[in-house]
């Protein structure tokens, strides 16, 4: 799904709804939700961010005047996210002459010294795959311990419920959410599940 409108000011299409796409990595799909970078779309961003496992935040490296609104959006998102949700940054439009280097954007916007920021270009594809792989690995780091537990209890959901101290309703919601994230495949007839094969390779 790609909801766009033609901007009369800049005569090009801009996202006014939400972009949805997926990329296949390690044998499973990474689902990407793109939201508009305009302040008035806060409600949509909040909904998407609240269910996210990681955030890719894009700075326009060619236009420093957009940084102020970008930081307002970033601070708003941080208030919603759990402390362990990874955020990486892209210094995009590196194909444009005079685009700022990632380290300059980091300094100008008081980003933490240890944050990860990639120089990227949506036109040339510079570092797009590399940045995606980086954040996916960060997300897997967050889930690695849980994935190992899930693997050990694939045919024993009751045992998993005991291990995680969850009741029947909580387990149903928990497993359904993992299936939506494509971490597991549930066999509802056999009342078992399987950790996705691509994830097993990463455990």
Protein backbone atom coordinates (compact mmCIF):
# COMPACT_ATOMS: atom_id res chain seq x y z
CA UNK A 1 0.00 0.00 0.00
CA UNK A 2 1.36 3.39 -0.97
CA UNK A 3 -0.89 6.37 -0.36
CA UNK A 4 0.42 9.47 -2.08
CA UNK A 5 -0.70 12.92 -3.18
CA UNK A 6 0.70 15.38 -5.68
CA UNK A 7 2.09 18.41 -3.87
CA UNK A 8 1.20 21.63 -5.68
CA UNK A 9 4.15 23.43 -4.08
CA UNK A 10 6.92 21.06 -5.12
CA UNK A 11 5.20 19.25 -8.01
CA UNK A 12 6.04 15.74 -6.88
CA UNK A 13 4.34 12.92 -5.01
CA UNK A 14 4.62 12.85 -1.24
CA UNK A 15 3.36 10.31 1.26
CA UNK A 16 0.21 11.50 3.03
CA UNK A 17 -0.95 8.16 4.37
CA UNK A 18 1.40 5.28 5.01
CA UNK A 19 3.88 3.28 2.95
CA UNK A 20 3.97 -0.46 3.50
CA UNK A 21 6.60 -2.80 2.13
CA UNK A 22 8.58 -5.88 2.97
CA UNK A 23 12.10 -7.15 2.41
CA UNK A 24 13.14 -10.79 2.61
CA UNK A 25 16.12 -11.41 4.92
CA UNK A 26 17.35 -14.75 6.24
CA UNK A 27 14.33 -16.54 4.83
CA UNK A 28 11.59 -14.38 6.33
CA UNK A 29 9.95 -11.03 5.62
CA UNK A 30 10.86 -7.80 7.37
CA UNK A 31 7.80 -5.55 7.23
CA UNK A 32 8.50 -1.84 6.82
CA UNK A 33 6.01 0.90 7.64
CA UNK A 34 6.79 4.37 6.34
CA UNK A 35 5.02 7.40 7.82
CA UNK A 36 5.02 11.03 6.64
CA UNK A 37 7.63 13.36 8.07
CA UNK A 38 5.15 16.16 8.68
CA UNK A 39 4.19 17.22 12.21
CA UNK A 40 0.44 16.96 11.58
CA UNK A 41 0.66 13.18 11.08
CA UNK A 42 1.53 12.55 14.76
CA UNK A 43 -1.43 10.21 15.40
CA UNK A 44 -0.44 7.92 12.53
CA UNK A 45 3.22 7.87 13.59
CA UNK A 46 2.24 7.09 17.19
CA UNK A 47 0.12 4.12 16.11
CA UNK A 48 2.87 2.68 13.91
CA UNK A 49 5.67 3.34 16.42
CA UNK A 50 3.81 1.75 19.33
CA UNK A 51 3.90 -1.64 17.60
CA UNK A 52 7.42 -1.37 16.17
CA UNK A 53 10.42 -3.53 16.99
CA UNK A 54 12.83 -0.92 15.66
CA UNK A 55 12.90 2.56 14.15
CA UNK A 56 14.78 3.83 11.08
CA UNK A 57 14.77 7.62 11.39
CA UNK A 58 15.66 9.62 8.28
CA UNK A 59 17.31 13.03 8.19
CA UNK A 60 17.38 15.06 4.98
CA UNK A 61 21.13 15.65 4.70
CA UNK A 62 20.62 18.25 1.99
CA UNK A 63 18.26 20.50 3.95
CA UNK A 64 19.38 21.50 7.49
CA UNK A 65 16.25 23.66 7.91
CA UNK A 66 14.19 20.47 8.25
CA UNK A 67 16.15 19.29 11.31
CA UNK A 68 14.10 21.22 13.87
CA UNK A 69 10.83 19.51 12.94
CA UNK A 70 12.64 16.18 12.61
CA UNK A 71 13.87 16.42 16.20
CA UNK A 72 10.36 17.26 17.42
CA UNK A 73 9.13 14.08 15.74
CA UNK A 74 12.05 12.05 17.12
CA UNK A 75 11.46 13.20 20.70
CA UNK A 76 7.76 12.43 20.37
CA UNK A 77 8.54 8.88 19.19
CA UNK A 78 11.05 8.31 21.99
CA UNK A 79 8.35 8.97 24.57
CA UNK A 80 6.32 6.08 23.13
CA UNK A 81 9.08 3.51 22.73
CA UNK A 82 10.36 1.03 25.26
CA UNK A 83 13.97 1.65 26.23
CA UNK A 84 15.19 -1.47 24.42
CA UNK A 85 13.70 -0.57 21.02
CA UNK A 86 16.65 0.22 18.70
CA UNK A 87 16.75 3.42 16.64
CA UNK A 88 19.16 3.99 13.80
CA UNK A 89 19.51 7.11 11.67
CA UNK A 90 19.96 7.72 7.97
CA UNK A 91 21.62 10.84 6.60
CA UNK A 92 19.76 10.59 3.32
CA UNK A 93 20.22 12.33 -0.06
CA UNK A 94 24.00 11.84 -0.13
CA UNK A 95 23.67 11.91 -3.93
CA UNK A 96 23.00 15.67 -3.72
CA UNK A 97 25.99 18.01 -3.85
CA UNK A 98 26.62 19.64 -0.47
CA UNK A 99 24.75 17.00 1.53
CA UNK A 100 25.91 16.93 5.14
CA UNK A 101 28.04 14.09 6.46
CA UNK A 102 26.45 11.84 9.12
CA UNK A 103 28.83 13.06 11.85
CA UNK A 104 27.83 16.67 11.18
CA UNK A 105 24.13 15.81 11.45
CA UNK A 106 24.88 13.99 14.70
CA UNK A 107 26.62 17.03 16.18
CA UNK A 108 24.09 19.58 14.89
CA UNK A 109 21.19 17.65 16.42
CA UNK A 110 22.85 16.61 19.69
CA UNK A 111 22.46 12.90 18.94
CA UNK A 112 24.27 10.58 21.31
CA UNK A 113 27.89 9.82 20.47
CA UNK A 114 27.22 6.09 20.21
CA UNK A 115 24.16 6.29 17.96
CA UNK A 116 24.44 4.65 14.54
CA UNK A 117 23.92 6.93 11.54
CA UNK A 118 24.38 5.79 7.93
CA UNK A 119 25.08 7.99 4.91
CA UNK A 120 22.39 6.89 2.44
CA UNK A 121 20.80 7.69 -0.89
CA UNK A 122 17.38 6.46 -1.93
CA UNK A 123 18.40 7.26 -5.52
CA UNK A 124 21.64 5.25 -5.70
CA UNK A 125 20.82 2.70 -2.98
CA UNK A 126 23.87 3.70 -0.93
CA UNK A 127 23.86 1.80 2.41
CA UNK A 128 20.14 1.01 2.32
CA UNK A 129 20.65 -2.73 2.56
CA UNK A 130 23.46 -2.34 5.09
CA UNK A 131 21.40 -0.12 7.40
CA UNK A 132 18.44 -2.49 7.25
CA UNK A 133 20.61 -5.49 8.09
CA UNK A 134 22.11 -3.55 11.00
CA UNK A 135 18.80 -2.75 12.67
CA UNK A 136 17.40 -6.22 12.00
CA UNK A 137 20.41 -7.68 13.84
CA UNK A 138 19.77 -5.25 16.70
CA UNK A 139 16.17 -6.44 16.87
CA UNK A 140 17.30 -10.07 16.88
CA UNK A 141 19.64 -9.26 19.76
CA UNK A 142 16.59 -8.14 21.73
CA UNK A 143 14.73 -11.34 20.90
CA UNK A 144 17.62 -13.83 20.98
CA UNK A 145 16.97 -15.14 24.49
CA UNK A 146 13.23 -15.45 23.86
CA UNK A 147 13.83 -17.18 20.52
CA UNK A 148 15.97 -19.82 22.21
CA UNK A 149 13.19 -20.47 24.75
CA UNK A 150 10.63 -20.66 21.95
CA UNK A 151 12.76 -23.17 20.08
CA UNK A 152 12.98 -25.41 23.15
CA UNK A 153 9.18 -25.51 23.60
CA UNK A 154 7.92 -25.81 20.00
CA UNK A 155 5.84 -28.90 20.78
CA UNK A 156 5.00 -28.00 24.38
CA UNK A 157 2.92 -24.81 24.58
CA UNK A 158 1.78 -25.63 28.12
CA UNK A 159 5.39 -25.92 29.17
CA UNK A 160 6.12 -22.58 27.50
CA UNK A 161 3.20 -20.98 29.37
CA UNK A 162 4.66 -22.24 32.66
CA UNK A 163 8.15 -21.05 31.70
CA UNK A 164 6.87 -17.57 30.82
CA UNK A 165 4.28 -17.48 33.64
CA UNK A 166 1.37 -16.71 31.30
CA UNK A 167 -2.24 -17.90 31.48
CA UNK A 168 -4.13 -19.37 28.53
CA UNK A 169 -5.43 -16.03 27.24
CA UNK A 170 -2.06 -14.35 27.61
CA UNK A 171 -0.37 -17.19 25.75
CA UNK A 172 -2.86 -16.98 22.90
CA UNK A 173 -2.23 -13.25 22.48
CA UNK A 174 1.53 -13.72 22.89
CA UNK A 175 1.80 -16.44 20.23
CA UNK A 176 -0.53 -14.58 17.88
CA UNK A 177 1.67 -11.47 18.14
CA UNK A 178 4.78 -13.54 17.38
CA UNK A 179 3.01 -15.03 14.37
CA UNK A 180 2.09 -11.56 13.12
CA UNK A 181 5.76 -10.60 13.50
CA UNK A 182 6.55 -13.74 11.48
CA UNK A 183 8.81 -15.12 14.19
CA UNK A 184 6.80 -18.36 14.40
CA UNK A 185 4.34 -20.44 12.37
CA UNK A 186 1.43 -21.84 14.41
CA UNK A 187 -0.23 -25.19 13.69
CA UNK A 188 -3.57 -24.70 15.41
CA UNK A 189 -4.76 -28.25 14.75
CA UNK A 190 -1.76 -29.82 16.45
CA UNK A 191 -1.49 -26.97 18.98
CA UNK A 192 2.18 -26.52 18.23
CA UNK A 193 4.34 -23.88 16.54
CA UNK A 194 7.66 -23.67 14.75
CA UNK A 195 10.27 -20.93 14.99
CA UNK A 196 10.86 -19.64 11.47
CA UNK A 197 13.83 -21.37 9.89
CA UNK A 198 15.62 -18.12 9.06
CA UNK A 199 15.50 -17.14 12.72
CA UNK A 200 16.85 -20.52 13.85
CA UNK A 201 19.98 -19.83 11.83
CA UNK A 202 20.53 -16.70 13.89
CA UNK A 203 20.08 -18.31 17.32
